[in-house]
N, C-alpha and C. Protein backbone atom coordinates (compact mmCIF):
# COMPACT_ATOMS: atom_id res chain seq x y z
N MET A 1 12.66 5.93 -13.84
CA MET A 1 12.00 5.07 -12.86
C MET A 1 10.57 4.85 -13.32
N GLY A 2 10.18 3.59 -13.51
CA GLY A 2 8.84 3.29 -13.99
C GLY A 2 8.10 2.37 -13.05
N LEU A 3 6.81 2.26 -13.27
CA LEU A 3 5.98 1.45 -12.39
C LEU A 3 6.22 -0.05 -12.53
N GLY A 4 6.72 -0.52 -13.65
CA GLY A 4 6.88 -1.95 -13.84
C GLY A 4 8.25 -2.48 -13.48
N GLU A 5 9.12 -1.64 -12.96
CA GLU A 5 10.48 -2.08 -12.64
C GLU A 5 10.74 -1.96 -11.14
N PRO A 6 11.75 -2.66 -10.64
CA PRO A 6 12.08 -2.53 -9.21
C PRO A 6 12.46 -1.08 -8.88
N LEU A 7 12.04 -0.65 -7.72
CA LEU A 7 12.31 0.71 -7.25
C LEU A 7 12.96 0.63 -5.88
N ARG A 8 13.90 1.52 -5.61
CA ARG A 8 14.56 1.54 -4.31
C ARG A 8 14.10 2.75 -3.51
N THR A 9 13.73 2.52 -2.25
CA THR A 9 13.30 3.62 -1.39
C THR A 9 14.53 4.32 -0.81
N ARG A 10 14.30 5.47 -0.22
CA ARG A 10 15.38 6.20 0.44
C ARG A 10 15.96 5.41 1.60
N GLY A 11 15.19 4.53 2.19
CA GLY A 11 15.66 3.72 3.31
C GLY A 11 16.39 2.46 2.88
N GLY A 12 16.45 2.20 1.58
CA GLY A 12 17.17 1.04 1.06
C GLY A 12 16.30 -0.16 0.77
N GLU A 13 15.01 -0.10 1.09
CA GLU A 13 14.12 -1.21 0.76
C GLU A 13 13.90 -1.23 -0.75
N TRP A 14 13.51 -2.38 -1.26
CA TRP A 14 13.23 -2.53 -2.68
C TRP A 14 11.76 -2.85 -2.89
N LEU A 15 11.17 -2.18 -3.85
CA LEU A 15 9.80 -2.47 -4.28
C LEU A 15 9.92 -3.23 -5.59
N ARG A 16 9.32 -4.41 -5.60
CA ARG A 16 9.34 -5.21 -6.82
C ARG A 16 7.91 -5.58 -7.19
N PRO A 17 7.59 -5.54 -8.48
CA PRO A 17 6.25 -5.94 -8.89
C PRO A 17 5.93 -7.35 -8.37
N ALA A 18 4.73 -7.50 -7.88
CA ALA A 18 4.31 -8.78 -7.32
C ALA A 18 4.27 -9.85 -8.40
N GLU A 19 4.81 -11.03 -8.07
CA GLU A 19 4.84 -12.16 -8.99
C GLU A 19 4.33 -13.41 -8.29
N ALA A 20 3.79 -14.32 -9.06
CA ALA A 20 3.24 -15.56 -8.51
C ALA A 20 4.27 -16.34 -7.69
N SER A 21 5.53 -16.27 -8.05
CA SER A 21 6.57 -17.01 -7.34
C SER A 21 6.79 -16.51 -5.91
N GLN A 22 6.23 -15.38 -5.56
CA GLN A 22 6.42 -14.79 -4.24
C GLN A 22 5.30 -15.15 -3.27
N ALA A 23 4.42 -16.06 -3.65
CA ALA A 23 3.24 -16.38 -2.84
C ALA A 23 3.59 -16.87 -1.44
N ALA A 24 4.56 -17.75 -1.31
CA ALA A 24 4.91 -18.28 0.02
C ALA A 24 5.43 -17.17 0.93
N ALA A 25 6.26 -16.28 0.40
CA ALA A 25 6.80 -15.17 1.19
C ALA A 25 5.70 -14.18 1.56
N LEU A 26 4.77 -13.95 0.64
CA LEU A 26 3.64 -13.07 0.95
C LEU A 26 2.79 -13.67 2.05
N TYR A 27 2.46 -14.94 1.92
CA TYR A 27 1.66 -15.59 2.95
C TYR A 27 2.35 -15.52 4.31
N GLU A 28 3.64 -15.77 4.36
CA GLU A 28 4.38 -15.74 5.63
C GLU A 28 4.30 -14.37 6.27
N ALA A 29 4.43 -13.30 5.47
CA ALA A 29 4.36 -11.93 6.00
C ALA A 29 2.98 -11.64 6.57
N VAL A 30 1.94 -12.05 5.86
CA VAL A 30 0.57 -11.83 6.33
C VAL A 30 0.32 -12.66 7.59
N ASP A 31 0.70 -13.92 7.57
CA ASP A 31 0.45 -14.80 8.70
C ASP A 31 1.17 -14.31 9.97
N ALA A 32 2.40 -13.80 9.81
CA ALA A 32 3.16 -13.31 10.96
C ALA A 32 2.57 -12.02 11.54
N SER A 33 1.69 -11.38 10.79
CA SER A 33 1.15 -10.08 11.20
C SER A 33 -0.37 -10.07 11.29
N ARG A 34 -0.96 -11.24 11.22
CA ARG A 34 -2.43 -11.34 11.15
C ARG A 34 -3.14 -10.55 12.25
N ASP A 35 -2.64 -10.62 13.48
CA ASP A 35 -3.33 -9.94 14.59
C ASP A 35 -3.39 -8.43 14.42
N VAL A 36 -2.33 -7.82 13.88
CA VAL A 36 -2.34 -6.36 13.73
C VAL A 36 -2.97 -5.91 12.42
N LEU A 37 -2.98 -6.76 11.42
CA LEU A 37 -3.57 -6.39 10.13
C LEU A 37 -5.08 -6.64 10.08
N ALA A 38 -5.53 -7.69 10.74
CA ALA A 38 -6.93 -8.13 10.63
C ALA A 38 -7.97 -7.05 10.94
N PRO A 39 -7.76 -6.19 11.92
CA PRO A 39 -8.81 -5.18 12.17
C PRO A 39 -9.03 -4.22 11.00
N TRP A 40 -8.03 -4.04 10.13
CA TRP A 40 -8.10 -3.02 9.09
C TRP A 40 -8.20 -3.57 7.67
N LEU A 41 -7.93 -4.85 7.49
CA LEU A 41 -7.94 -5.42 6.15
C LEU A 41 -8.96 -6.56 6.08
N PRO A 42 -10.06 -6.35 5.39
CA PRO A 42 -11.14 -7.34 5.36
C PRO A 42 -10.72 -8.71 4.85
N TRP A 43 -9.70 -8.78 4.03
CA TRP A 43 -9.25 -10.06 3.49
C TRP A 43 -8.35 -10.82 4.45
N CYS A 44 -7.87 -10.17 5.49
CA CYS A 44 -6.91 -10.79 6.42
C CYS A 44 -7.66 -11.49 7.56
N THR A 45 -8.19 -12.66 7.24
CA THR A 45 -8.96 -13.42 8.21
C THR A 45 -8.30 -14.79 8.39
N ALA A 46 -8.89 -15.62 9.21
CA ALA A 46 -8.39 -16.99 9.40
C ALA A 46 -8.49 -17.78 8.10
N ARG A 47 -9.33 -17.32 7.18
CA ARG A 47 -9.49 -18.00 5.89
C ARG A 47 -8.40 -17.64 4.88
N TYR A 48 -7.49 -16.71 5.23
CA TYR A 48 -6.38 -16.37 4.35
C TYR A 48 -5.33 -17.46 4.47
N THR A 49 -5.10 -18.17 3.37
CA THR A 49 -4.22 -19.34 3.35
C THR A 49 -3.11 -19.15 2.31
N PRO A 50 -2.16 -20.07 2.24
CA PRO A 50 -1.18 -19.99 1.15
C PRO A 50 -1.85 -19.94 -0.23
N ALA A 51 -2.95 -20.64 -0.39
CA ALA A 51 -3.67 -20.60 -1.67
C ALA A 51 -4.25 -19.21 -1.93
N SER A 52 -4.65 -18.50 -0.88
CA SER A 52 -5.15 -17.13 -1.04
C SER A 52 -4.07 -16.22 -1.60
N ALA A 53 -2.85 -16.36 -1.08
CA ALA A 53 -1.73 -15.56 -1.57
C ALA A 53 -1.44 -15.90 -3.04
N GLU A 54 -1.48 -17.17 -3.38
CA GLU A 54 -1.27 -17.59 -4.77
C GLU A 54 -2.34 -16.99 -5.68
N ASP A 55 -3.60 -17.07 -5.25
CA ASP A 55 -4.70 -16.53 -6.05
C ASP A 55 -4.53 -15.02 -6.25
N PHE A 56 -4.19 -14.31 -5.19
CA PHE A 56 -4.00 -12.86 -5.26
C PHE A 56 -2.91 -12.50 -6.26
N LEU A 57 -1.80 -13.21 -6.23
CA LEU A 57 -0.67 -12.89 -7.10
C LEU A 57 -0.87 -13.33 -8.54
N SER A 58 -1.78 -14.26 -8.78
CA SER A 58 -2.01 -14.71 -10.15
C SER A 58 -3.20 -14.01 -10.81
N GLU A 59 -3.93 -13.23 -10.03
CA GLU A 59 -5.11 -12.53 -10.52
C GLU A 59 -4.72 -11.44 -11.53
N LEU A 60 -5.37 -11.41 -12.66
CA LEU A 60 -5.15 -10.35 -13.64
C LEU A 60 -5.98 -9.15 -13.23
N THR A 61 -5.34 -7.99 -13.16
CA THR A 61 -6.03 -6.80 -12.68
C THR A 61 -5.36 -5.55 -13.23
N LEU A 62 -6.05 -4.44 -13.18
CA LEU A 62 -5.46 -3.15 -13.55
C LEU A 62 -4.61 -2.60 -12.42
N GLU A 63 -4.75 -3.18 -11.25
CA GLU A 63 -4.04 -2.73 -10.07
C GLU A 63 -2.52 -2.90 -10.24
N HIS A 64 -1.78 -1.91 -9.78
CA HIS A 64 -0.31 -2.03 -9.76
C HIS A 64 0.08 -2.52 -8.38
N ARG A 65 0.44 -3.79 -8.27
CA ARG A 65 0.76 -4.41 -6.98
C ARG A 65 2.26 -4.55 -6.83
N THR A 66 2.77 -4.08 -5.71
CA THR A 66 4.20 -4.12 -5.45
C THR A 66 4.44 -4.70 -4.07
N LEU A 67 5.41 -5.59 -3.96
CA LEU A 67 5.79 -6.13 -2.66
C LEU A 67 7.06 -5.41 -2.21
N ILE A 68 7.22 -5.29 -0.89
CA ILE A 68 8.35 -4.58 -0.30
C ILE A 68 9.33 -5.61 0.24
N PHE A 69 10.59 -5.47 -0.12
CA PHE A 69 11.65 -6.38 0.32
C PHE A 69 12.76 -5.58 1.00
N PRO A 70 13.45 -6.20 1.97
CA PRO A 70 14.52 -5.47 2.67
C PRO A 70 15.74 -5.18 1.81
N SER A 71 15.98 -5.98 0.77
CA SER A 71 17.11 -5.75 -0.13
C SER A 71 16.72 -6.21 -1.53
N GLN A 72 17.56 -5.92 -2.49
CA GLN A 72 17.23 -6.22 -3.88
C GLN A 72 17.01 -7.70 -4.14
N ASP A 73 17.79 -8.56 -3.51
CA ASP A 73 17.67 -9.99 -3.79
C ASP A 73 16.99 -10.77 -2.66
N ALA A 74 16.44 -10.09 -1.69
CA ALA A 74 15.79 -10.75 -0.55
C ALA A 74 14.55 -11.51 -0.99
N LYS A 75 14.24 -12.54 -0.24
CA LYS A 75 13.03 -13.34 -0.49
C LYS A 75 11.90 -12.98 0.48
N ALA A 76 12.26 -12.52 1.69
CA ALA A 76 11.26 -12.19 2.71
C ALA A 76 10.52 -10.91 2.34
N VAL A 77 9.20 -10.92 2.52
CA VAL A 77 8.36 -9.77 2.20
C VAL A 77 8.13 -8.94 3.46
N LEU A 78 8.35 -7.63 3.34
CA LEU A 78 8.09 -6.71 4.45
C LEU A 78 6.66 -6.19 4.43
N GLY A 79 6.02 -6.24 3.29
CA GLY A 79 4.65 -5.73 3.16
C GLY A 79 4.30 -5.53 1.71
N ALA A 80 3.30 -4.70 1.47
CA ALA A 80 2.86 -4.43 0.10
C ALA A 80 2.35 -3.01 -0.01
N VAL A 81 2.46 -2.48 -1.20
CA VAL A 81 1.90 -1.17 -1.52
C VAL A 81 1.31 -1.29 -2.92
N SER A 82 0.10 -0.78 -3.10
CA SER A 82 -0.60 -0.94 -4.38
C SER A 82 -1.26 0.35 -4.81
N LEU A 83 -1.31 0.54 -6.11
CA LEU A 83 -2.09 1.62 -6.71
C LEU A 83 -3.17 0.99 -7.56
N MET A 84 -4.41 1.45 -7.37
CA MET A 84 -5.54 0.91 -8.11
C MET A 84 -6.25 2.06 -8.82
N PRO A 85 -6.60 1.89 -10.09
CA PRO A 85 -7.28 2.98 -10.80
C PRO A 85 -8.68 3.22 -10.24
N VAL A 86 -9.00 4.49 -10.06
CA VAL A 86 -10.35 4.90 -9.66
C VAL A 86 -11.02 5.54 -10.86
N ASP A 87 -10.28 6.43 -11.52
CA ASP A 87 -10.78 7.13 -12.69
C ASP A 87 -9.59 7.35 -13.62
N ARG A 88 -9.43 6.46 -14.58
CA ARG A 88 -8.27 6.52 -15.48
C ARG A 88 -8.28 7.77 -16.34
N TYR A 89 -9.45 8.23 -16.74
CA TYR A 89 -9.53 9.42 -17.58
C TYR A 89 -8.94 10.64 -16.87
N ASP A 90 -9.29 10.81 -15.61
CA ASP A 90 -8.79 11.96 -14.85
C ASP A 90 -7.46 11.67 -14.15
N GLY A 91 -6.96 10.45 -14.27
CA GLY A 91 -5.68 10.11 -13.66
C GLY A 91 -5.73 9.98 -12.15
N VAL A 92 -6.87 9.51 -11.62
CA VAL A 92 -7.03 9.35 -10.17
C VAL A 92 -6.87 7.88 -9.81
N TRP A 93 -5.97 7.60 -8.89
CA TRP A 93 -5.70 6.25 -8.43
C TRP A 93 -5.82 6.22 -6.91
N LYS A 94 -6.05 5.03 -6.38
CA LYS A 94 -6.18 4.83 -4.92
C LYS A 94 -4.96 4.06 -4.43
N LEU A 95 -4.40 4.51 -3.32
CA LEU A 95 -3.21 3.89 -2.73
C LEU A 95 -3.61 3.02 -1.55
N GLY A 96 -3.03 1.83 -1.48
CA GLY A 96 -3.20 0.95 -0.33
C GLY A 96 -1.83 0.47 0.11
N TYR A 97 -1.67 0.22 1.41
CA TYR A 97 -0.38 -0.24 1.92
C TYR A 97 -0.57 -0.98 3.23
N TRP A 98 0.35 -1.89 3.50
CA TRP A 98 0.44 -2.56 4.80
C TRP A 98 1.87 -3.07 4.94
N VAL A 99 2.32 -3.16 6.17
CA VAL A 99 3.63 -3.76 6.45
C VAL A 99 3.49 -4.74 7.59
N ARG A 100 4.38 -5.71 7.60
CA ARG A 100 4.32 -6.74 8.63
C ARG A 100 4.57 -6.13 10.00
N ALA A 101 4.09 -6.80 11.02
CA ALA A 101 4.11 -6.27 12.39
C ALA A 101 5.51 -5.93 12.88
N ASP A 102 6.51 -6.73 12.53
CA ASP A 102 7.84 -6.50 13.09
C ASP A 102 8.60 -5.35 12.45
N VAL A 103 8.04 -4.70 11.42
CA VAL A 103 8.68 -3.51 10.86
C VAL A 103 7.78 -2.27 10.94
N GLN A 104 6.62 -2.41 11.58
CA GLN A 104 5.76 -1.24 11.73
C GLN A 104 6.45 -0.20 12.59
N ARG A 105 6.12 1.05 12.32
CA ARG A 105 6.68 2.23 13.01
C ARG A 105 8.17 2.44 12.71
N SER A 106 8.65 1.88 11.59
CA SER A 106 10.05 2.08 11.21
C SER A 106 10.18 2.95 9.95
N GLY A 107 9.05 3.38 9.39
CA GLY A 107 9.07 4.21 8.20
C GLY A 107 8.97 3.45 6.90
N VAL A 108 8.92 2.13 6.97
CA VAL A 108 8.87 1.32 5.74
C VAL A 108 7.64 1.66 4.90
N ALA A 109 6.47 1.70 5.50
CA ALA A 109 5.24 1.99 4.73
C ALA A 109 5.33 3.37 4.10
N ARG A 110 5.78 4.34 4.84
CA ARG A 110 5.90 5.71 4.35
C ARG A 110 6.87 5.79 3.16
N ARG A 111 8.04 5.18 3.30
CA ARG A 111 9.03 5.23 2.22
C ARG A 111 8.55 4.47 0.99
N ALA A 112 7.94 3.31 1.19
CA ALA A 112 7.45 2.51 0.06
C ALA A 112 6.33 3.25 -0.67
N ALA A 113 5.39 3.81 0.07
CA ALA A 113 4.29 4.54 -0.55
C ALA A 113 4.80 5.76 -1.31
N ALA A 114 5.74 6.48 -0.72
CA ALA A 114 6.29 7.67 -1.37
C ALA A 114 7.00 7.29 -2.66
N THR A 115 7.77 6.22 -2.63
CA THR A 115 8.52 5.79 -3.81
C THR A 115 7.57 5.39 -4.93
N LEU A 116 6.54 4.61 -4.60
CA LEU A 116 5.58 4.19 -5.61
C LEU A 116 4.80 5.39 -6.16
N CYS A 117 4.38 6.30 -5.29
CA CYS A 117 3.64 7.49 -5.75
C CYS A 117 4.52 8.36 -6.65
N GLN A 118 5.78 8.54 -6.27
CA GLN A 118 6.69 9.34 -7.09
C GLN A 118 6.82 8.74 -8.49
N ALA A 119 7.00 7.42 -8.57
CA ALA A 119 7.10 6.75 -9.87
C ALA A 119 5.80 6.90 -10.65
N ALA A 120 4.67 6.78 -9.98
CA ALA A 120 3.38 6.91 -10.64
C ALA A 120 3.18 8.33 -11.18
N PHE A 121 3.52 9.33 -10.38
CA PHE A 121 3.39 10.72 -10.84
C PHE A 121 4.33 10.97 -12.02
N ALA A 122 5.55 10.44 -11.95
CA ALA A 122 6.54 10.64 -13.03
C ALA A 122 6.09 9.97 -14.33
N SER A 123 5.29 8.91 -14.21
CA SER A 123 4.83 8.20 -15.42
C SER A 123 3.87 9.04 -16.25
N GLY A 124 3.25 10.04 -15.62
CA GLY A 124 2.30 10.89 -16.33
C GLY A 124 0.88 10.35 -16.35
N THR A 125 0.68 9.11 -15.96
CA THR A 125 -0.68 8.54 -15.96
C THR A 125 -1.44 8.90 -14.70
N VAL A 126 -0.72 9.11 -13.62
CA VAL A 126 -1.36 9.38 -12.32
C VAL A 126 -1.21 10.87 -11.99
N GLN A 127 -2.35 11.52 -11.79
CA GLN A 127 -2.35 12.95 -11.46
C GLN A 127 -2.76 13.22 -10.02
N ARG A 128 -3.41 12.23 -9.43
CA ARG A 128 -3.90 12.38 -8.05
C ARG A 128 -3.99 11.00 -7.43
N VAL A 129 -3.64 10.90 -6.16
CA VAL A 129 -3.74 9.65 -5.42
C VAL A 129 -4.70 9.88 -4.25
N SER A 130 -5.67 8.99 -4.11
CA SER A 130 -6.59 9.03 -2.97
C SER A 130 -6.20 7.93 -1.99
N ILE A 131 -6.34 8.23 -0.72
CA ILE A 131 -6.04 7.26 0.32
C ILE A 131 -7.25 7.23 1.25
N LEU A 132 -7.86 6.06 1.38
CA LEU A 132 -9.05 5.88 2.21
C LEU A 132 -8.65 5.06 3.42
N VAL A 133 -8.83 5.61 4.62
CA VAL A 133 -8.36 4.97 5.85
C VAL A 133 -9.45 5.04 6.92
N ALA A 134 -9.66 3.95 7.62
CA ALA A 134 -10.60 3.98 8.75
C ALA A 134 -10.17 5.08 9.72
N VAL A 135 -11.11 5.86 10.19
CA VAL A 135 -10.80 6.97 11.10
C VAL A 135 -9.99 6.48 12.30
N GLU A 136 -10.27 5.28 12.79
CA GLU A 136 -9.58 4.76 13.97
C GLU A 136 -8.19 4.20 13.68
N ASN A 137 -7.82 4.08 12.42
CA ASN A 137 -6.53 3.49 12.04
C ASN A 137 -5.44 4.56 12.04
N THR A 138 -5.03 4.95 13.22
CA THR A 138 -4.07 6.04 13.40
C THR A 138 -2.74 5.80 12.68
N PRO A 139 -2.14 4.61 12.75
CA PRO A 139 -0.86 4.42 12.03
C PRO A 139 -0.97 4.67 10.52
N SER A 140 -2.03 4.18 9.89
CA SER A 140 -2.19 4.39 8.45
C SER A 140 -2.48 5.86 8.13
N ARG A 141 -3.19 6.52 9.00
CA ARG A 141 -3.45 7.94 8.81
C ARG A 141 -2.14 8.73 8.91
N ARG A 142 -1.28 8.32 9.82
CA ARG A 142 0.02 9.00 9.95
C ARG A 142 0.86 8.83 8.69
N VAL A 143 0.79 7.66 8.08
CA VAL A 143 1.52 7.44 6.82
C VAL A 143 0.99 8.41 5.76
N ALA A 144 -0.33 8.48 5.61
CA ALA A 144 -0.92 9.38 4.61
C ALA A 144 -0.47 10.82 4.84
N GLU A 145 -0.52 11.26 6.07
CA GLU A 145 -0.13 12.64 6.39
C GLU A 145 1.35 12.87 6.17
N ALA A 146 2.20 11.89 6.48
CA ALA A 146 3.64 12.02 6.27
C ALA A 146 3.98 12.12 4.78
N LEU A 147 3.16 11.51 3.94
CA LEU A 147 3.37 11.59 2.49
C LEU A 147 3.12 13.00 1.96
N GLY A 148 2.37 13.79 2.73
CA GLY A 148 1.97 15.11 2.26
C GLY A 148 0.53 15.14 1.81
N ALA A 149 -0.18 14.03 1.98
CA ALA A 149 -1.60 13.97 1.59
C ALA A 149 -2.41 14.83 2.55
N GLU A 150 -3.42 15.45 2.01
CA GLU A 150 -4.29 16.32 2.81
C GLU A 150 -5.62 15.61 3.08
N MET A 151 -6.03 15.64 4.34
CA MET A 151 -7.33 15.05 4.67
C MET A 151 -8.42 15.95 4.10
N GLU A 152 -9.30 15.35 3.31
CA GLU A 152 -10.32 16.12 2.62
C GLU A 152 -11.71 15.94 3.23
N GLY A 153 -11.82 15.02 4.19
CA GLY A 153 -13.11 14.83 4.83
C GLY A 153 -13.24 13.45 5.43
N VAL A 154 -14.40 13.22 6.00
CA VAL A 154 -14.73 11.92 6.59
C VAL A 154 -15.99 11.41 5.90
N LEU A 155 -15.91 10.19 5.41
CA LEU A 155 -17.04 9.56 4.75
C LEU A 155 -17.72 8.62 5.74
N LYS A 156 -18.95 8.89 6.04
CA LYS A 156 -19.70 8.11 7.03
C LYS A 156 -19.95 6.69 6.56
N SER A 157 -19.68 5.75 7.46
CA SER A 157 -19.97 4.33 7.22
C SER A 157 -19.43 3.83 5.87
N ARG A 158 -18.25 4.28 5.49
CA ARG A 158 -17.69 4.01 4.16
C ARG A 158 -17.00 2.66 4.04
N LEU A 159 -16.37 2.20 5.13
CA LEU A 159 -15.59 0.96 5.06
C LEU A 159 -16.29 -0.18 5.80
N LEU A 160 -16.32 -1.33 5.17
CA LEU A 160 -16.80 -2.54 5.83
C LEU A 160 -15.58 -3.34 6.26
N LEU A 161 -15.33 -3.36 7.55
CA LEU A 161 -14.20 -4.08 8.13
C LEU A 161 -14.74 -5.27 8.91
N PRO A 162 -13.87 -6.17 9.35
CA PRO A 162 -14.36 -7.35 10.09
C PRO A 162 -15.23 -7.01 11.30
N SER A 163 -15.00 -5.85 11.92
CA SER A 163 -15.79 -5.47 13.10
C SER A 163 -17.06 -4.72 12.74
N GLY A 164 -17.32 -4.52 11.45
CA GLY A 164 -18.52 -3.81 11.03
C GLY A 164 -18.20 -2.59 10.19
N ARG A 165 -19.18 -1.72 10.02
CA ARG A 165 -19.01 -0.51 9.20
C ARG A 165 -18.26 0.55 10.00
N HIS A 166 -17.39 1.28 9.29
CA HIS A 166 -16.58 2.33 9.92
C HIS A 166 -16.54 3.57 9.04
N ASP A 167 -16.42 4.72 9.70
CA ASP A 167 -16.20 5.97 8.98
C ASP A 167 -14.78 5.93 8.43
N ALA A 168 -14.58 6.61 7.30
CA ALA A 168 -13.26 6.62 6.66
C ALA A 168 -12.81 8.05 6.41
N ALA A 169 -11.55 8.30 6.71
CA ALA A 169 -10.93 9.58 6.35
C ALA A 169 -10.47 9.43 4.90
N ILE A 170 -10.74 10.44 4.08
CA ILE A 170 -10.28 10.44 2.70
C ILE A 170 -9.18 11.49 2.56
N TYR A 171 -8.04 11.03 2.04
CA TYR A 171 -6.89 11.91 1.84
C TYR A 171 -6.63 12.04 0.34
N GLY A 172 -6.15 13.20 -0.06
CA GLY A 172 -5.77 13.42 -1.44
C GLY A 172 -4.30 13.82 -1.52
N LEU A 173 -3.60 13.26 -2.49
CA LEU A 173 -2.19 13.57 -2.71
C LEU A 173 -1.99 13.92 -4.18
N VAL A 174 -1.39 15.07 -4.42
CA VAL A 174 -1.05 15.50 -5.78
C VAL A 174 0.47 15.61 -5.86
N PRO A 175 1.03 15.57 -7.07
CA PRO A 175 2.49 15.51 -7.20
C PRO A 175 3.24 16.58 -6.41
N GLU A 176 2.78 17.80 -6.48
CA GLU A 176 3.52 18.88 -5.81
C GLU A 176 3.43 18.82 -4.29
N ALA A 177 2.52 18.03 -3.75
CA ALA A 177 2.39 17.92 -2.29
C ALA A 177 3.20 16.76 -1.70
N LEU A 178 3.70 15.85 -2.55
CA LEU A 178 4.47 14.72 -2.04
C LEU A 178 5.65 15.25 -1.24
N ALA A 179 5.75 14.80 -0.01
CA ALA A 179 6.78 15.30 0.90
C ALA A 179 8.16 15.22 0.26
N GLU A 180 8.84 16.35 0.19
CA GLU A 180 10.15 16.44 -0.45
C GLU A 180 11.16 15.49 0.15
N ASP A 181 11.14 15.33 1.46
CA ASP A 181 12.13 14.48 2.13
C ASP A 181 11.89 12.99 1.91
N LEU A 182 10.76 12.64 1.28
CA LEU A 182 10.47 11.23 1.00
C LEU A 182 10.70 10.87 -0.46
N ARG A 183 10.97 11.85 -1.28
CA ARG A 183 11.17 11.56 -2.71
C ARG A 183 12.48 10.81 -2.89
N PRO A 184 12.44 9.77 -3.74
CA PRO A 184 13.66 8.97 -3.95
C PRO A 184 14.76 9.78 -4.63
């Protein structure tokens, strides 16, 4: 199982590397969930358009971007999970995730994040995953904790969100802490 290939979660969802051809499906998922995503994702504003999704998917980056689909050949996007390098020398990456409103609280984010982290740890390039979450974002904090990540502290005024500056909980996840019941 590698980072550049489709991955299947324990719940049956498929993680596929993000491609430019998926822009319309990505935009639809964001647009259908704008009200619940906007407080926590600075890019999820009224200015997020189909062109924004196209730009995001065509951008060259070191980030490993994966979209979540309900089945292997599905076109509809359930959300996204991404790993971004923080310190490549030490193998530290940052995890980000979101799921559309109609599948929240169903375990999709947890399963997708676990599957991507497991593949990243197995690749040997990733030794630690950091997760930065607004203190008030209880659902995202629950995902981090369900993964087996340990809260390491609170960073004052760390996140700039649409409503202003917010404190952020920082979580750390190492391979041996990844919740056993979430491993693919």
